[in-house]
Amino acid sequence: MKKALSLLLLPLMLLLAAPVQAKEYKDFIFKGMPGYEIWDQKKSFGQLKIQSPKPGKEGKEFIETTYEGDLVYTRYGLADSKKEDSAPSVLQVTRNYQNAVKKLGGEILFERTYSEGFHASFKRNDKQYYMTFENSHSSTNRPSQGYRVNIIEVAQMADEIEVVDSDTILHKLEKEGHIALYINFDTGKATIKPESKDIVDEVVTALKAKPKLKVKLEGHTDNVGSAADNKKLSDARAKAVMDAIVAKGIDKSRLSAEGFGLEKPIADNGTEAGRAKNRRVELVKVQ
C-alpha cells in the first residue's frame, strides 16, 4: 500500500533536460524518468509521421502529416530490471511526458489510448518540433519497462551537393579567399575514400592553371568526440589531402596544412545537417 501511495504522490518528474553529457547518450529536450536509462539513440535527417485532428472535426477524425527534419530517436529502459515492481505505471510515465509538453506551451495532437502513446507538437527557441511517444506495454496499470521518444525539428535538408570543379575553386579563392571541400574519409581515419579523389584532381587542375598560387589546407571537424582527438584527426586529414595533391605533381613548397578540430564551426553542431557542414577541409589562399 505504501509503495502504491508513493507512486501516486510522485511529483512531476519530467522537466526540461539540462545539457549534461552522459557517458554515451544524453537526453534530448526532455529528461528521462527517474530509474530509467537510455538504451539506444539515433540522430539523423529523417521523417516523422504525425496524426493531428482534421480541421472542423473536433478531434473525431485525424489526418496524417509527414514532417522532415533533424530526427532524434531515443529508447529508454529500466536501469535495474529487479526494480520493475516499484517502477511508475505506464499511465504515469505517459502523463509525465504529456505534462512536460504542455509546460513548453505545446499541444497533444493525438492519443490512441493512454497506454499506447501520443503525438504532440511544441516550439522551443523559435523552432518547431513534433513528437511521438510510445510505451512498451499495452496496460496502463502495469509498471513501465520502457518507452520510446521520437522528436523531429522541422527543417529542410541542407544542400550538400555542390559542383566543385577547378573553375569553381579558382573563382572562390579569388573572390572569397577560401573554399570548403567536403572530402569523405574512412570513419575516424585520414584515409581519403575513392569517391572523393575527383575533388583532389580538381584542386590539382586549379593549381596547375595558376603556377604561382599558394594554398593552405585547413582541417575541421564537428563537435562529436573530445577536442584533442578532433584536433589530431583534422590535422591528419588536412595533411592527407596535401600529400595527395603533392603526389599528383604539385610542388610541396606551394602547400601547407593545419588542423583546427572543432574550433571553427560554420553551422549548428546541434543538428546532423550542421555537423555535416562542419566536417570539411578548407582550401585557403595564401597571400
C-alpha atoms as a PDB file:
ATOM      1  CA  MET A   1       0.000   0.000   0.000  1.00  0.00           C
ATOM      2  CA  LYS A   2       2.870   2.334   0.895  1.00  0.00           C
ATOM      3  CA  LYS A   3       4.518   1.524  -2.433  1.00  0.00           C
ATOM      4  CA  ALA A   4       1.350   2.370  -4.367  1.00  0.00           C
ATOM      5  CA  LEU A   5       0.863   5.552  -2.352  1.00  0.00           C
ATOM      6  CA  SER A   6       4.428   6.685  -3.049  1.00  0.00           C
ATOM      7  CA  LEU A   7       3.819   6.280  -6.766  1.00  0.00           C
ATOM      8  CA  LEU A   8       0.586   8.236  -6.625  1.00  0.00           C
ATOM      9  CA  LEU A   9       2.292  11.043  -4.743  1.00  0.00           C
ATOM     10  CA  LEU A  10       5.279  11.066  -7.062  1.00  0.00           C
ATOM     11  CA  PRO A  11       5.609  14.685  -8.254  1.00  0.00           C
ATOM     12  CA  LEU A  12       6.014  15.746 -11.826  1.00  0.00           C
ATOM     13  CA  MET A  13       9.499  14.499 -12.555  1.00  0.00           C
ATOM     14  CA  LEU A  14       9.774  15.222 -16.222  1.00  0.00           C
ATOM     15  CA  LEU A  15      11.410  18.627 -16.571  1.00  0.00           C
ATOM     16  CA  LEU A  16      13.323  20.238 -19.398  1.00  0.00           C
ATOM     17  CA  ALA A  17      16.586  18.402 -19.753  1.00  0.00           C
ATOM     18  CA  ALA A  18      19.747  20.156 -18.680  1.00  0.00           C
ATOM     19  CA  PRO A  19      22.558  19.907 -21.229  1.00  0.00           C
ATOM     20  CA  VAL A  20      24.510  17.289 -19.273  1.00  0.00           C
ATOM     21  CA  GLN A  21      26.744  14.983 -21.275  1.00  0.00           C
ATOM     22  CA  ALA A  22      26.109  11.327 -20.461  1.00  0.00           C
ATOM     23  CA  LYS A  23      28.669   8.579 -20.979  1.00  0.00           C
ATOM     24  CA  GLU A  24      27.259   7.518 -24.341  1.00  0.00           C
ATOM     25  CA  TYR A  25      23.892   9.202 -24.834  1.00  0.00           C
ATOM     26  CA  LYS A  26      22.137  12.244 -23.451  1.00  0.00           C
ATOM     27  CA  ASP A  27      18.508  13.248 -23.053  1.00  0.00           C
ATOM     28  CA  PHE A  28      17.119  15.352 -25.874  1.00  0.00           C
ATOM     29  CA  ILE A  29      14.898  18.263 -24.716  1.00  0.00           C
ATOM     30  CA  PHE A  30      13.089  16.155 -22.080  1.00  0.00           C
ATOM     31  CA  LYS A  31      14.788  14.455 -19.171  1.00  0.00           C
ATOM     32  CA  GLY A  32      14.047  10.751 -18.819  1.00  0.00           C
ATOM     33  CA  MET A  33      12.028   9.357 -15.910  1.00  0.00           C
ATOM     34  CA  PRO A  34      13.964   8.525 -12.716  1.00  0.00           C
ATOM     35  CA  GLY A  35      15.078   4.905 -12.670  1.00  0.00           C
ATOM     36  CA  TYR A  36      15.382   4.715 -16.451  1.00  0.00           C
ATOM     37  CA  GLU A  37      18.394   4.929 -18.718  1.00  0.00           C
ATOM     38  CA  ILE A  38      18.873   5.405 -22.451  1.00  0.00           C
ATOM     39  CA  TRP A  39      19.293   2.054 -24.150  1.00  0.00           C
ATOM     40  CA  ASP A  40      19.536   3.341 -27.689  1.00  0.00           C
ATOM     41  CA  GLN A  41      19.618   6.662 -29.511  1.00  0.00           C
ATOM     42  CA  LYS A  42      19.865   7.621 -33.172  1.00  0.00           C
ATOM     43  CA  LYS A  43      20.177  11.044 -34.783  1.00  0.00           C
ATOM     44  CA  SER A  44      19.691  11.695 -38.478  1.00  0.00           C
ATOM     45  CA  PHE A  45      17.883  13.783 -41.054  1.00  0.00           C
ATOM     46  CA  GLY A  46      14.632  11.869 -41.379  1.00  0.00           C
ATOM     47  CA  GLN A  47      10.855  11.817 -41.453  1.00  0.00           C
ATOM     48  CA  LEU A  48       8.223  11.515 -38.742  1.00  0.00           C
ATOM     49  CA  LYS A  49       4.519  10.786 -39.335  1.00  0.00           C
ATOM     50  CA  ILE A  50       2.204  12.756 -37.065  1.00  0.00           C
ATOM     51  CA  GLN A  51      -1.530  12.315 -36.525  1.00  0.00           C
ATOM     52  CA  SER A  52      -3.458  15.523 -35.846  1.00  0.00           C
ATOM     53  CA  PRO A  53      -7.157  16.486 -35.708  1.00  0.00           C
ATOM     54  CA  LYS A  54      -8.855  17.065 -39.043  1.00  0.00           C
ATOM     55  CA  PRO A  55      -9.983  20.718 -39.226  1.00  0.00           C
ATOM     56  CA  GLY A  56     -13.616  21.120 -38.175  1.00  0.00           C
ATOM     57  CA  LYS A  57     -13.970  17.561 -36.856  1.00  0.00           C
ATOM     58  CA  GLU A  58     -13.285  18.369 -33.184  1.00  0.00           C
ATOM     59  CA  GLY A  59     -10.862  15.503 -32.694  1.00  0.00           C
ATOM     60  CA  LYS A  60     -13.189  12.843 -34.095  1.00  0.00           C
ATOM     61  CA  GLU A  61     -11.237  12.440 -37.317  1.00  0.00           C
ATOM     62  CA  PHE A  62      -7.489  12.684 -37.845  1.00  0.00           C
ATOM     63  CA  ILE A  63      -5.106  13.288 -40.702  1.00  0.00           C
ATOM     64  CA  GLU A  64      -1.542  12.074 -41.047  1.00  0.00           C
ATOM     65  CA  THR A  65       1.217  14.505 -41.989  1.00  0.00           C
ATOM     66  CA  THR A  66       4.839  13.573 -42.680  1.00  0.00           C
ATOM     67  CA  TYR A  67       7.416  16.077 -41.439  1.00  0.00           C
ATOM     68  CA  GLU A  68      11.083  16.201 -42.417  1.00  0.00           C
ATOM     69  CA  GLY A  69      13.967  17.484 -40.361  1.00  0.00           C
ATOM     70  CA  ASP A  70      16.554  16.560 -37.768  1.00  0.00           C
ATOM     71  CA  LEU A  71      15.160  13.474 -36.055  1.00  0.00           C
ATOM     72  CA  VAL A  72      16.256  12.120 -32.673  1.00  0.00           C
ATOM     73  CA  TYR A  73      15.061   8.627 -31.675  1.00  0.00           C
ATOM     74  CA  THR A  74      15.603   7.711 -28.018  1.00  0.00           C
ATOM     75  CA  ARG A  75      14.682   4.406 -26.337  1.00  0.00           C
ATOM     76  CA  TYR A  76      14.573   4.197 -22.538  1.00  0.00           C
ATOM     77  CA  GLY A  77      14.582   1.087 -20.366  1.00  0.00           C
ATOM     78  CA  LEU A  78      14.695   0.322 -16.671  1.00  0.00           C
ATOM     79  CA  ALA A  79      18.166   0.836 -15.268  1.00  0.00           C
ATOM     80  CA  ASP A  80      17.589  -2.097 -12.891  1.00  0.00           C
ATOM     81  CA  SER A  81      15.163  -4.825 -14.014  1.00  0.00           C
ATOM     82  CA  LYS A  82      14.910  -6.055 -10.428  1.00  0.00           C
ATOM     83  CA  LYS A  83      13.095  -2.844  -9.508  1.00  0.00           C
ATOM     84  CA  GLU A  84      10.283  -3.287 -12.043  1.00  0.00           C
ATOM     85  CA  ASP A  85       7.653  -3.664  -9.304  1.00  0.00           C
ATOM     86  CA  SER A  86       8.474  -0.213  -7.923  1.00  0.00           C
ATOM     87  CA  ALA A  87       8.623   1.474 -11.334  1.00  0.00           C
ATOM     88  CA  PRO A  88       5.984   4.078 -12.311  1.00  0.00           C
ATOM     89  CA  SER A  89       2.960   2.763 -14.158  1.00  0.00           C
ATOM     90  CA  VAL A  90       2.590   3.110 -17.910  1.00  0.00           C
ATOM     91  CA  LEU A  91      -0.101   5.741 -17.365  1.00  0.00           C
ATOM     92  CA  GLN A  92       2.140   7.723 -15.023  1.00  0.00           C
ATOM     93  CA  VAL A  93       5.036   7.808 -17.477  1.00  0.00           C
ATOM     94  CA  THR A  94       2.676   8.912 -20.257  1.00  0.00           C
ATOM     95  CA  ARG A  95       1.153  11.689 -18.150  1.00  0.00           C
ATOM     96  CA  ASN A  96       4.590  12.979 -17.119  1.00  0.00           C
ATOM     97  CA  TYR A  97       5.635  13.382 -20.746  1.00  0.00           C
ATOM     98  CA  GLN A  98       2.343  14.994 -21.690  1.00  0.00           C
ATOM     99  CA  ASN A  99       2.707  17.485 -18.830  1.00  0.00           C
ATOM    100  CA  ALA A 100       6.258  18.260 -19.942  1.00  0.00           C
ATOM    101  CA  VAL A 101       4.987  19.040 -23.449  1.00  0.00           C
ATOM    102  CA  LYS A 102       2.339  21.340 -22.003  1.00  0.00           C
ATOM    103  CA  LYS A 103       4.952  23.137 -19.887  1.00  0.00           C
ATOM    104  CA  LEU A 104       6.529  24.199 -23.188  1.00  0.00           C
ATOM    105  CA  GLY A 105       3.177  25.513 -24.376  1.00  0.00           C
ATOM    106  CA  GLY A 106       2.808  22.509 -26.644  1.00  0.00           C
ATOM    107  CA  GLU A 107      -0.270  20.564 -27.708  1.00  0.00           C
ATOM    108  CA  ILE A 108      -1.226  16.895 -27.555  1.00  0.00           C
ATOM    109  CA  LEU A 109      -2.416  16.237 -31.104  1.00  0.00           C
ATOM    110  CA  PHE A 110      -3.374  12.585 -30.984  1.00  0.00           C
ATOM    111  CA  GLU A 111      -3.683   9.833 -28.385  1.00  0.00           C
ATOM    112  CA  ARG A 112      -4.613   6.257 -29.239  1.00  0.00           C
ATOM    113  CA  THR A 113      -5.052   5.094 -25.647  1.00  0.00           C
ATOM    114  CA  TYR A 114      -3.220   6.131 -22.525  1.00  0.00           C
ATOM    115  CA  SER A 115      -1.018   3.055 -22.754  1.00  0.00           C
ATOM    116  CA  GLU A 116      -0.134   3.145 -26.442  1.00  0.00           C
ATOM    117  CA  GLY A 117       1.213   6.673 -26.586  1.00  0.00           C
ATOM    118  CA  PHE A 118       0.546  10.036 -28.182  1.00  0.00           C
ATOM    119  CA  HIS A 119       1.638  12.587 -30.796  1.00  0.00           C
ATOM    120  CA  ALA A 120       2.411  16.201 -29.880  1.00  0.00           C
ATOM    121  CA  SER A 121       3.797  19.482 -31.159  1.00  0.00           C
ATOM    122  CA  PHE A 122       5.676  22.287 -29.420  1.00  0.00           C
ATOM    123  CA  LYS A 123       8.054  25.150 -30.070  1.00  0.00           C
ATOM    124  CA  ARG A 124      11.397  25.802 -28.430  1.00  0.00           C
ATOM    125  CA  ASN A 125      13.791  28.662 -29.183  1.00  0.00           C
ATOM    126  CA  ASP A 126      11.540  29.643 -32.114  1.00  0.00           C
ATOM    127  CA  LYS A 127      11.946  26.182 -33.669  1.00  0.00           C
ATOM    128  CA  GLN A 128       9.025  23.873 -34.471  1.00  0.00           C
ATOM    129  CA  TYR A 129       9.119  20.331 -33.082  1.00  0.00           C
ATOM    130  CA  TYR A 130       6.858  17.300 -33.418  1.00  0.00           C
ATOM    131  CA  MET A 131       6.996  14.287 -31.174  1.00  0.00           C
ATOM    132  CA  THR A 132       5.732  10.736 -30.864  1.00  0.00           C
ATOM    133  CA  PHE A 133       5.758   8.850 -27.571  1.00  0.00           C
ATOM    134  CA  GLU A 134       5.294   5.078 -27.341  1.00  0.00           C
ATOM    135  CA  ASN A 135       5.090   2.775 -24.330  1.00  0.00           C
ATOM    136  CA  SER A 136       6.374  -0.794 -24.332  1.00  0.00           C
ATOM    137  CA  HIS A 137       3.291  -2.166 -22.542  1.00  0.00           C
ATOM    138  CA  SER A 138      -0.368  -2.144 -23.550  1.00  0.00           C
ATOM    139  CA  SER A 139      -1.769  -1.997 -19.994  1.00  0.00           C
ATOM    140  CA  THR A 140      -1.937   1.340 -18.183  1.00  0.00           C
ATOM    141  CA  ASN A 141      -1.811  -0.365 -14.781  1.00  0.00           C
ATOM    142  CA  ARG A 142       1.422  -2.268 -15.307  1.00  0.00           C
ATOM    143  CA  PRO A 143       4.822  -0.820 -14.369  1.00  0.00           C
ATOM    144  CA  SER A 144       6.514   0.633 -17.429  1.00  0.00           C
ATOM    145  CA  GLN A 145       9.531  -1.411 -18.504  1.00  0.00           C
ATOM    146  CA  GLY A 146      10.462   1.109 -21.178  1.00  0.00           C
ATOM    147  CA  TYR A 147       9.333   3.651 -23.731  1.00  0.00           C
ATOM    148  CA  ARG A 148      10.388   5.391 -26.945  1.00  0.00           C
ATOM    149  CA  VAL A 149      10.501   9.076 -27.802  1.00  0.00           C
ATOM    150  CA  ASN A 150      10.875  10.419 -31.352  1.00  0.00           C
ATOM    151  CA  ILE A 151      11.396  14.179 -31.700  1.00  0.00           C
ATOM    152  CA  ILE A 152      11.873  15.979 -35.002  1.00  0.00           C
ATOM    153  CA  GLU A 153      12.980  19.558 -35.511  1.00  0.00           C
ATOM    154  CA  VAL A 154      11.275  20.635 -38.724  1.00  0.00           C
ATOM    155  CA  ALA A 155      13.873  21.784 -41.235  1.00  0.00           C
ATOM    156  CA  GLN A 156      14.850  21.500 -44.855  1.00  0.00           C
ATOM    157  CA  MET A 157      17.867  19.364 -45.591  1.00  0.00           C
ATOM    158  CA  ALA A 158      20.973  21.399 -46.258  1.00  0.00           C
ATOM    159  CA  ASP A 159      22.032  21.269 -49.881  1.00  0.00           C
ATOM    160  CA  GLU A 160      25.265  19.340 -49.556  1.00  0.00           C
ATOM    161  CA  ILE A 161      25.685  18.620 -53.263  1.00  0.00           C
ATOM    162  CA  GLU A 162      27.881  21.267 -54.778  1.00  0.00           C
ATOM    163  CA  VAL A 163      29.682  21.144 -58.092  1.00  0.00           C
ATOM    164  CA  VAL A 164      33.359  21.548 -57.243  1.00  0.00           C
ATOM    165  CA  ASP A 165      35.478  21.858 -60.362  1.00  0.00           C
ATOM    166  CA  SER A 166      38.733  23.675 -60.972  1.00  0.00           C
ATOM    167  CA  ASP A 167      36.992  26.809 -62.267  1.00  0.00           C
ATOM    168  CA  THR A 168      34.793  26.996 -59.156  1.00  0.00           C
ATOM    169  CA  ILE A 169      37.823  26.517 -56.922  1.00  0.00           C
ATOM    170  CA  LEU A 170      39.764  29.325 -58.591  1.00  0.00           C
ATOM    171  CA  HIS A 171      36.737  31.639 -58.582  1.00  0.00           C
ATOM    172  CA  LYS A 172      36.096  31.095 -54.850  1.00  0.00           C
ATOM    173  CA  LEU A 173      39.763  31.550 -53.969  1.00  0.00           C
ATOM    174  CA  GLU A 174      39.900  34.784 -55.952  1.00  0.00           C
ATOM    175  CA  LYS A 175      36.626  36.245 -54.639  1.00  0.00           C
ATOM    176  CA  GLU A 176      36.427  34.839 -51.100  1.00  0.00           C
ATOM    177  CA  GLY A 177      39.925  33.592 -50.367  1.00  0.00           C
ATOM    178  CA  HIS A 178      38.802  30.098 -49.394  1.00  0.00           C
ATOM    179  CA  ILE A 179      36.536  27.208 -50.379  1.00  0.00           C
ATOM    180  CA  ALA A 180      35.152  24.338 -48.303  1.00  0.00           C
ATOM    181  CA  LEU A 181      35.847  20.884 -49.722  1.00  0.00           C
ATOM    182  CA  TYR A 182      33.650  18.036 -48.497  1.00  0.00           C
ATOM    183  CA  ILE A 183      36.048  15.152 -48.840  1.00  0.00           C
ATOM    184  CA  ASN A 184      34.963  11.781 -47.466  1.00  0.00           C
ATOM    185  CA  PHE A 185      37.338   9.872 -45.201  1.00  0.00           C
ATOM    186  CA  ASP A 186      37.155   6.490 -43.528  1.00  0.00           C
ATOM    187  CA  THR A 187      35.452   6.904 -40.142  1.00  0.00           C
ATOM    188  CA  GLY A 188      37.893   8.154 -37.528  1.00  0.00           C
ATOM    189  CA  LYS A 189      40.778   7.999 -40.004  1.00  0.00           C
ATOM    190  CA  ALA A 190      42.631  10.177 -42.507  1.00  0.00           C
ATOM    191  CA  THR A 191      42.225   7.807 -45.444  1.00  0.00           C
ATOM    192  CA  ILE A 192      40.558   9.543 -48.391  1.00  0.00           C
ATOM    193  CA  LYS A 193      37.708   7.485 -49.826  1.00  0.00           C
ATOM    194  CA  PRO A 194      37.832   6.701 -53.580  1.00  0.00           C
ATOM    195  CA  GLU A 195      34.694   8.757 -54.344  1.00  0.00           C
ATOM    196  CA  SER A 196      36.451  11.926 -53.166  1.00  0.00           C
ATOM    197  CA  LYS A 197      39.576  11.590 -55.278  1.00  0.00           C
ATOM    198  CA  ASP A 198      37.887  13.521 -58.098  1.00  0.00           C
ATOM    199  CA  ILE A 199      37.824  16.562 -55.805  1.00  0.00           C
ATOM    200  CA  VAL A 200      41.562  16.221 -55.256  1.00  0.00           C
ATOM    201  CA  ASP A 201      42.053  16.032 -59.029  1.00  0.00           C
ATOM    202  CA  GLU A 202      40.113  19.282 -59.493  1.00  0.00           C
ATOM    203  CA  VAL A 203      42.290  21.027 -56.884  1.00  0.00           C
ATOM    204  CA  VAL A 204      45.387  19.814 -58.744  1.00  0.00           C
ATOM    205  CA  THR A 205      43.992  21.114 -62.048  1.00  0.00           C
ATOM    206  CA  ALA A 206      43.302  24.506 -60.443  1.00  0.00           C
ATOM    207  CA  LEU A 207      46.826  24.742 -59.011  1.00  0.00           C
ATOM    208  CA  LYS A 208      48.402  23.774 -62.310  1.00  0.00           C
ATOM    209  CA  ALA A 209      46.410  26.533 -64.022  1.00  0.00           C
ATOM    210  CA  LYS A 210      47.851  29.096 -61.549  1.00  0.00           C
ATOM    211  CA  PRO A 211      51.512  28.120 -61.004  1.00  0.00           C
ATOM    212  CA  LYS A 212      52.167  30.981 -58.553  1.00  0.00           C
ATOM    213  CA  LEU A 213      49.149  30.249 -56.353  1.00  0.00           C
ATOM    214  CA  LYS A 214      49.925  29.020 -52.840  1.00  0.00           C
ATOM    215  CA  VAL A 215      47.298  27.482 -50.590  1.00  0.00           C
ATOM    216  CA  LYS A 216      46.826  26.122 -47.107  1.00  0.00           C
ATOM    217  CA  LEU A 217      44.752  23.028 -46.305  1.00  0.00           C
ATOM    218  CA  GLU A 218      42.759  23.519 -43.098  1.00  0.00           C
ATOM    219  CA  GLY A 219      41.040  20.542 -41.492  1.00  0.00           C
ATOM    220  CA  HIS A 220      37.828  20.939 -39.464  1.00  0.00           C
ATOM    221  CA  THR A 221      35.507  18.558 -37.596  1.00  0.00           C
ATOM    222  CA  ASP A 222      32.152  18.627 -35.830  1.00  0.00           C
ATOM    223  CA  ASN A 223      31.883  18.564 -32.025  1.00  0.00           C
ATOM    224  CA  VAL A 224      31.455  14.800 -31.619  1.00  0.00           C
ATOM    225  CA  GLY A 225      34.310  13.421 -29.523  1.00  0.00           C
ATOM    226  CA  SER A 226      36.997  15.148 -27.496  1.00  0.00           C
ATOM    227  CA  ALA A 227      38.615  18.408 -28.604  1.00  0.00           C
ATOM    228  CA  ALA A 228      42.068  16.829 -28.516  1.00  0.00           C
ATOM    229  CA  ASP A 229      41.070  13.861 -30.687  1.00  0.00           C
ATOM    230  CA  ASN A 230      39.288  16.121 -33.178  1.00  0.00           C
ATOM    231  CA  LYS A 231      42.315  18.394 -33.397  1.00  0.00           C
ATOM    232  CA  LYS A 232      44.585  15.449 -34.128  1.00  0.00           C
ATOM    233  CA  LEU A 233      42.197  13.928 -36.671  1.00  0.00           C
ATOM    234  CA  SER A 234      41.605  17.211 -38.526  1.00  0.00           C
ATOM    235  CA  ASP A 235      45.356  17.806 -38.744  1.00  0.00           C
ATOM    236  CA  ALA A 236      45.936  14.317 -40.140  1.00  0.00           C
ATOM    237  CA  ARG A 237      43.178  14.750 -42.719  1.00  0.00           C
ATOM    238  CA  ALA A 238      44.479  18.135 -43.891  1.00  0.00           C
ATOM    239  CA  LYS A 239      47.940  16.616 -44.334  1.00  0.00           C
ATOM    240  CA  ALA A 240      46.473  13.608 -46.153  1.00  0.00           C
ATOM    241  CA  VAL A 241      44.853  15.911 -48.720  1.00  0.00           C
ATOM    242  CA  MET A 242      48.092  17.869 -49.062  1.00  0.00           C
ATOM    243  CA  ASP A 243      50.046  14.658 -49.654  1.00  0.00           C
ATOM    244  CA  ALA A 244      47.506  13.534 -52.261  1.00  0.00           C
ATOM    245  CA  ILE A 245      47.943  16.833 -54.114  1.00  0.00           C
ATOM    246  CA  VAL A 246      51.734  16.561 -53.981  1.00  0.00           C
ATOM    247  CA  ALA A 247      51.501  13.022 -55.323  1.00  0.00           C
ATOM    248  CA  LYS A 248      49.736  14.462 -58.395  1.00  0.00           C
ATOM    249  CA  GLY A 249      52.709  16.681 -59.252  1.00  0.00           C
ATOM    250  CA  ILE A 250      52.221  19.913 -57.274  1.00  0.00           C
ATOM    251  CA  ASP A 251      55.345  21.304 -55.592  1.00  0.00           C
ATOM    252  CA  LYS A 252      55.074  20.881 -51.813  1.00  0.00           C
ATOM    253  CA  SER A 253      56.525  24.381 -51.270  1.00  0.00           C
ATOM    254  CA  ARG A 254      53.186  25.792 -52.502  1.00  0.00           C
ATOM    255  CA  LEU A 255      51.233  23.966 -49.806  1.00  0.00           C
ATOM    256  CA  SER A 256      50.807  23.847 -46.048  1.00  0.00           C
ATOM    257  CA  ALA A 257      48.376  22.029 -43.771  1.00  0.00           C
ATOM    258  CA  GLU A 258      46.889  22.500 -40.306  1.00  0.00           C
ATOM    259  CA  GLY A 259      44.003  21.045 -38.329  1.00  0.00           C
ATOM    260  CA  PHE A 260      41.644  23.121 -36.203  1.00  0.00           C
ATOM    261  CA  GLY A 261      39.340  20.375 -34.929  1.00  0.00           C
ATOM    262  CA  LEU A 262      36.040  21.750 -33.666  1.00  0.00           C
ATOM    263  CA  GLU A 263      37.343  25.302 -33.140  1.00  0.00           C
ATOM    264  CA  LYS A 264      35.825  26.925 -36.248  1.00  0.00           C
ATOM    265  CA  PRO A 265      32.280  25.669 -36.932  1.00  0.00           C
ATOM    266  CA  ILE A 266      30.341  27.207 -39.815  1.00  0.00           C
ATOM    267  CA  ALA A 267      26.988  25.609 -38.919  1.00  0.00           C
ATOM    268  CA  ASP A 268      24.990  24.473 -35.891  1.00  0.00           C
ATOM    269  CA  ASN A 269      26.580  21.398 -34.304  1.00  0.00           C
ATOM    270  CA  GLY A 270      23.230  20.674 -32.677  1.00  0.00           C
ATOM    271  CA  THR A 271      21.867  19.169 -35.902  1.00  0.00           C
ATOM    272  CA  GLU A 272      23.121  16.392 -38.164  1.00  0.00           C
ATOM    273  CA  ALA A 273      22.986  18.694 -41.198  1.00  0.00           C
ATOM    274  CA  GLY A 274      25.058  21.261 -39.318  1.00  0.00           C
ATOM    275  CA  ARG A 275      27.637  18.715 -38.211  1.00  0.00           C
ATOM    276  CA  ALA A 276      27.980  17.532 -41.811  1.00  0.00           C
ATOM    277  CA  LYS A 277      28.742  21.115 -42.872  1.00  0.00           C
ATOM    278  CA  ASN A 278      31.396  21.431 -40.201  1.00  0.00           C
ATOM    279  CA  ARG A 279      33.242  18.272 -41.271  1.00  0.00           C
ATOM    280  CA  ARG A 280      35.326  19.769 -44.053  1.00  0.00           C
ATOM    281  CA  VAL A 281      38.755  20.583 -45.418  1.00  0.00           C
ATOM    282  CA  GLU A 282      39.096  24.197 -46.473  1.00  0.00           C
ATOM    283  CA  LEU A 283      41.415  25.364 -49.229  1.00  0.00           C
ATOM    284  CA  VAL A 284      42.690  28.808 -48.224  1.00  0.00           C
ATOM    285  CA  LYS A 285      44.563  31.223 -50.483  1.00  0.00           C
ATOM    286  CA  VAL A 286      47.924  32.287 -49.058  1.00  0.00           C
ATOM    287  CA  GLN A 287      48.670  35.934 -49.786  1.00  0.00           C
END
